[in-house]
Amino acid sequence: MARKRRFSDDSFGPTIERLMNEAGLTYRSLAEKTRLSAGYLNHLVHGNRPVPSDDVIKAEHFREYRLRVITDRLERMPDLIDKLYRRYGA
């Protein structure tokens, strides 16, 4: 039996599409569960809309959400940002 991945390495759209396929969900059925429109979900999957806010995502599964969390935390630590930039920056 295949083990479910805790986190996705793919971007938001492909991750949503893969999860929908794994769960056997259509855009309409996912729309009912999420209270988002099927058209909007289709746009997200195909990259025609920006990745939704954290309030919409609400899941660490998505790479974009994890990057936002890291960015928010780093912004509160300017000394660490400077140290990392000096070490890995140009």
N, C-alpha and C. Protein backbone atom coordinates (compact mmCIF):
# COMPACT_ATOMS: atom_id res chain seq x y z
N MET A 1 0.85 -1.18 0.00
CA MET A 1 0.00 0.00 0.00
C MET A 1 0.89 1.24 0.00
N ALA A 2 0.58 2.18 -0.86
CA ALA A 2 1.37 3.41 -0.96
C ALA A 2 1.09 4.29 0.26
N ARG A 3 2.16 4.87 0.78
CA ARG A 3 2.03 5.75 1.93
C ARG A 3 1.73 7.17 1.45
N LYS A 4 0.77 7.83 2.08
CA LYS A 4 0.44 9.20 1.70
C LYS A 4 1.55 10.13 2.13
N ARG A 5 1.88 11.07 1.26
CA ARG A 5 2.90 12.06 1.58
C ARG A 5 2.31 13.11 2.50
N ARG A 6 3.11 13.50 3.49
CA ARG A 6 2.65 14.51 4.43
C ARG A 6 2.69 15.89 3.79
N PHE A 7 3.74 16.16 3.02
CA PHE A 7 3.92 17.44 2.37
C PHE A 7 4.09 17.24 0.89
N SER A 8 3.70 18.24 0.12
CA SER A 8 3.89 18.18 -1.32
C SER A 8 5.11 18.99 -1.70
N ASP A 9 5.87 18.50 -2.65
CA ASP A 9 6.99 19.24 -3.21
C ASP A 9 6.57 20.00 -4.46
N ASP A 10 5.37 19.74 -4.95
CA ASP A 10 4.86 20.40 -6.15
C ASP A 10 4.21 21.73 -5.79
N SER A 11 4.02 22.56 -6.79
CA SER A 11 3.33 23.83 -6.56
C SER A 11 1.85 23.57 -6.31
N PHE A 12 1.14 24.62 -5.95
CA PHE A 12 -0.24 24.52 -5.48
C PHE A 12 -1.17 23.82 -6.48
N GLY A 13 -1.18 24.29 -7.72
CA GLY A 13 -2.11 23.73 -8.72
C GLY A 13 -1.94 22.25 -8.93
N PRO A 14 -0.72 21.79 -9.26
CA PRO A 14 -0.52 20.35 -9.44
C PRO A 14 -0.83 19.53 -8.18
N THR A 15 -0.58 20.11 -7.01
CA THR A 15 -0.88 19.40 -5.77
C THR A 15 -2.38 19.22 -5.61
N ILE A 16 -3.14 20.28 -5.87
CA ILE A 16 -4.61 20.17 -5.79
C ILE A 16 -5.11 19.13 -6.77
N GLU A 17 -4.59 19.17 -7.98
CA GLU A 17 -5.03 18.22 -9.00
C GLU A 17 -4.72 16.79 -8.58
N ARG A 18 -3.52 16.55 -8.05
CA ARG A 18 -3.14 15.20 -7.61
C ARG A 18 -4.04 14.74 -6.47
N LEU A 19 -4.28 15.62 -5.50
CA LEU A 19 -5.13 15.26 -4.36
C LEU A 19 -6.57 14.97 -4.80
N MET A 20 -7.05 15.76 -5.76
CA MET A 20 -8.40 15.51 -6.28
C MET A 20 -8.46 14.14 -6.95
N ASN A 21 -7.44 13.82 -7.75
CA ASN A 21 -7.41 12.52 -8.43
C ASN A 21 -7.33 11.37 -7.42
N GLU A 22 -6.49 11.53 -6.41
CA GLU A 22 -6.35 10.48 -5.40
C GLU A 22 -7.65 10.25 -4.64
N ALA A 23 -8.39 11.34 -4.39
CA ALA A 23 -9.64 11.24 -3.65
C ALA A 23 -10.85 10.98 -4.54
N GLY A 24 -10.64 11.00 -5.86
CA GLY A 24 -11.74 10.79 -6.79
C GLY A 24 -12.73 11.94 -6.79
N LEU A 25 -12.24 13.16 -6.58
CA LEU A 25 -13.12 14.33 -6.53
C LEU A 25 -13.13 15.06 -7.87
N THR A 26 -14.29 15.58 -8.21
CA THR A 26 -14.42 16.47 -9.35
C THR A 26 -14.33 17.91 -8.84
N TYR A 27 -14.24 18.85 -9.75
CA TYR A 27 -14.24 20.25 -9.34
C TYR A 27 -15.52 20.59 -8.58
N ARG A 28 -16.63 20.08 -9.05
CA ARG A 28 -17.92 20.37 -8.40
C ARG A 28 -17.98 19.78 -6.99
N SER A 29 -17.51 18.55 -6.83
CA SER A 29 -17.57 17.95 -5.49
C SER A 29 -16.61 18.64 -4.53
N LEU A 30 -15.44 19.05 -5.03
CA LEU A 30 -14.52 19.79 -4.17
C LEU A 30 -15.08 21.17 -3.85
N ALA A 31 -15.77 21.78 -4.81
CA ALA A 31 -16.39 23.08 -4.58
C ALA A 31 -17.41 23.00 -3.45
N GLU A 32 -18.19 21.93 -3.44
CA GLU A 32 -19.18 21.76 -2.37
C GLU A 32 -18.51 21.64 -1.01
N LYS A 33 -17.40 20.92 -0.95
CA LYS A 33 -16.70 20.71 0.31
C LYS A 33 -15.98 21.96 0.80
N THR A 34 -15.50 22.79 -0.11
CA THR A 34 -14.68 23.94 0.26
C THR A 34 -15.44 25.26 0.24
N ARG A 35 -16.63 25.26 -0.33
CA ARG A 35 -17.42 26.48 -0.52
C ARG A 35 -16.72 27.48 -1.45
N LEU A 36 -15.86 26.96 -2.32
CA LEU A 36 -15.26 27.74 -3.39
C LEU A 36 -15.94 27.31 -4.67
N SER A 37 -15.96 28.15 -5.67
CA SER A 37 -16.63 27.76 -6.92
C SER A 37 -15.76 26.78 -7.70
N ALA A 38 -16.41 25.94 -8.48
CA ALA A 38 -15.70 24.98 -9.31
C ALA A 38 -14.82 25.72 -10.33
N GLY A 39 -15.31 26.83 -10.85
CA GLY A 39 -14.53 27.61 -11.81
C GLY A 39 -13.27 28.18 -11.18
N TYR A 40 -13.39 28.68 -9.96
CA TYR A 40 -12.24 29.22 -9.25
C TYR A 40 -11.22 28.12 -8.99
N LEU A 41 -11.68 26.96 -8.56
CA LEU A 41 -10.78 25.83 -8.33
C LEU A 41 -10.06 25.44 -9.62
N ASN A 42 -10.78 25.44 -10.73
CA ASN A 42 -10.16 25.13 -12.01
C ASN A 42 -9.06 26.14 -12.34
N HIS A 43 -9.32 27.42 -12.09
CA HIS A 43 -8.31 28.45 -12.32
C HIS A 43 -7.09 28.24 -11.43
N LEU A 44 -7.30 27.85 -10.18
CA LEU A 44 -6.18 27.59 -9.27
C LEU A 44 -5.33 26.44 -9.77
N VAL A 45 -5.98 25.37 -10.17
CA VAL A 45 -5.25 24.18 -10.63
C VAL A 45 -4.40 24.51 -11.85
N HIS A 46 -4.92 25.32 -12.74
CA HIS A 46 -4.21 25.63 -13.98
C HIS A 46 -3.34 26.88 -13.89
N GLY A 47 -3.20 27.44 -12.68
CA GLY A 47 -2.30 28.56 -12.48
C GLY A 47 -2.79 29.88 -13.02
N ASN A 48 -4.09 30.01 -13.25
CA ASN A 48 -4.64 31.25 -13.77
C ASN A 48 -5.02 32.24 -12.68
N ARG A 49 -4.93 31.82 -11.44
CA ARG A 49 -5.19 32.67 -10.28
C ARG A 49 -4.04 32.47 -9.30
N PRO A 50 -3.75 33.51 -8.52
CA PRO A 50 -2.68 33.35 -7.52
C PRO A 50 -3.09 32.36 -6.43
N VAL A 51 -2.10 31.82 -5.77
CA VAL A 51 -2.36 30.90 -4.66
C VAL A 51 -3.18 31.64 -3.61
N PRO A 52 -4.25 31.03 -3.12
CA PRO A 52 -5.12 31.71 -2.16
C PRO A 52 -4.42 32.05 -0.84
N SER A 53 -5.10 32.86 -0.06
CA SER A 53 -4.58 33.26 1.25
C SER A 53 -4.47 32.05 2.17
N ASP A 54 -3.72 32.24 3.25
CA ASP A 54 -3.56 31.17 4.23
C ASP A 54 -4.90 30.73 4.82
N ASP A 55 -5.84 31.68 4.96
CA ASP A 55 -7.15 31.33 5.50
C ASP A 55 -7.88 30.34 4.60
N VAL A 56 -7.64 30.41 3.30
CA VAL A 56 -8.28 29.49 2.36
C VAL A 56 -7.53 28.16 2.34
N ILE A 57 -6.21 28.22 2.35
CA ILE A 57 -5.42 26.98 2.27
C ILE A 57 -5.54 26.17 3.55
N LYS A 58 -5.18 26.77 4.67
CA LYS A 58 -5.27 26.13 5.99
C LYS A 58 -4.61 24.76 6.05
N ALA A 59 -3.49 24.56 5.37
CA ALA A 59 -2.87 23.24 5.39
C ALA A 59 -1.37 23.34 5.14
N GLU A 60 -0.60 22.70 5.99
CA GLU A 60 0.84 22.65 5.82
C GLU A 60 1.25 21.78 4.64
N HIS A 61 0.31 21.07 4.08
CA HIS A 61 0.59 20.18 2.95
C HIS A 61 1.16 20.95 1.76
N PHE A 62 0.75 22.20 1.62
CA PHE A 62 1.12 22.98 0.44
C PHE A 62 2.42 23.73 0.63
N ARG A 63 3.29 23.60 -0.35
CA ARG A 63 4.60 24.26 -0.32
C ARG A 63 4.46 25.77 -0.13
N GLU A 64 3.52 26.38 -0.84
CA GLU A 64 3.35 27.83 -0.75
C GLU A 64 3.00 28.26 0.67
N TYR A 65 2.19 27.49 1.36
CA TYR A 65 1.83 27.82 2.74
C TYR A 65 3.07 27.74 3.64
N ARG A 66 3.86 26.68 3.48
CA ARG A 66 5.06 26.52 4.30
C ARG A 66 6.05 27.65 4.04
N LEU A 67 6.19 28.06 2.77
CA LEU A 67 7.08 29.18 2.46
C LEU A 67 6.60 30.48 3.09
N ARG A 68 5.29 30.69 3.12
CA ARG A 68 4.75 31.89 3.76
C ARG A 68 5.06 31.89 5.26
N VAL A 69 4.90 30.75 5.90
CA VAL A 69 5.19 30.65 7.34
C VAL A 69 6.66 30.96 7.60
N ILE A 70 7.54 30.37 6.80
CA ILE A 70 8.98 30.61 6.97
C ILE A 70 9.30 32.08 6.73
N THR A 71 8.75 32.66 5.68
CA THR A 71 9.01 34.07 5.36
C THR A 71 8.53 34.97 6.49
N ASP A 72 7.33 34.71 7.00
CA ASP A 72 6.80 35.52 8.10
C ASP A 72 7.70 35.45 9.32
N ARG A 73 8.16 34.27 9.63
CA ARG A 73 9.03 34.11 10.81
C ARG A 73 10.39 34.76 10.60
N LEU A 74 10.94 34.62 9.41
CA LEU A 74 12.23 35.23 9.12
C LEU A 74 12.15 36.76 9.16
N GLU A 75 11.05 37.31 8.71
CA GLU A 75 10.90 38.76 8.72
C GLU A 75 10.94 39.33 10.13
N ARG A 76 10.67 38.52 11.12
CA ARG A 76 10.75 38.96 12.51
C ARG A 76 12.15 38.77 13.08
N MET A 77 13.08 38.26 12.25
CA MET A 77 14.45 38.02 12.69
C MET A 77 15.45 38.62 11.69
N PRO A 78 15.51 39.96 11.61
CA PRO A 78 16.39 40.58 10.62
C PRO A 78 17.86 40.21 10.78
N ASP A 79 18.33 39.98 12.00
CA ASP A 79 19.73 39.59 12.20
C ASP A 79 20.02 38.24 11.54
N LEU A 80 19.09 37.32 11.65
CA LEU A 80 19.26 36.02 11.03
C LEU A 80 19.25 36.14 9.51
N ILE A 81 18.37 36.98 8.98
CA ILE A 81 18.33 37.20 7.53
C ILE A 81 19.68 37.72 7.04
N ASP A 82 20.22 38.71 7.77
CA ASP A 82 21.53 39.26 7.38
C ASP A 82 22.61 38.19 7.42
N LYS A 83 22.60 37.37 8.45
CA LYS A 83 23.60 36.30 8.59
C LYS A 83 23.48 35.30 7.43
N LEU A 84 22.25 34.90 7.11
CA LEU A 84 22.05 33.96 6.01
C LEU A 84 22.44 34.58 4.68
N TYR A 85 22.14 35.85 4.50
CA TYR A 85 22.50 36.50 3.25
C TYR A 85 24.01 36.56 3.07
N ARG A 86 24.69 36.91 4.15
CA ARG A 86 26.14 36.95 4.08
C ARG A 86 26.72 35.58 3.75
N ARG A 87 26.11 34.55 4.29
CA ARG A 87 26.62 33.19 4.08
C ARG A 87 26.27 32.65 2.70
N TYR A 88 25.04 32.89 2.23
CA TYR A 88 24.59 32.27 0.99
C TYR A 88 24.28 33.26 -0.13
N GLY A 89 24.30 34.56 0.17
CA GLY A 89 23.95 35.56 -0.82
C GLY A 89 25.06 35.80 -1.82
N ALA A 90 24.79 36.72 -2.69
CA ALA A 90 25.75 37.05 -3.75
C ALA A 90 26.89 37.90 -3.25
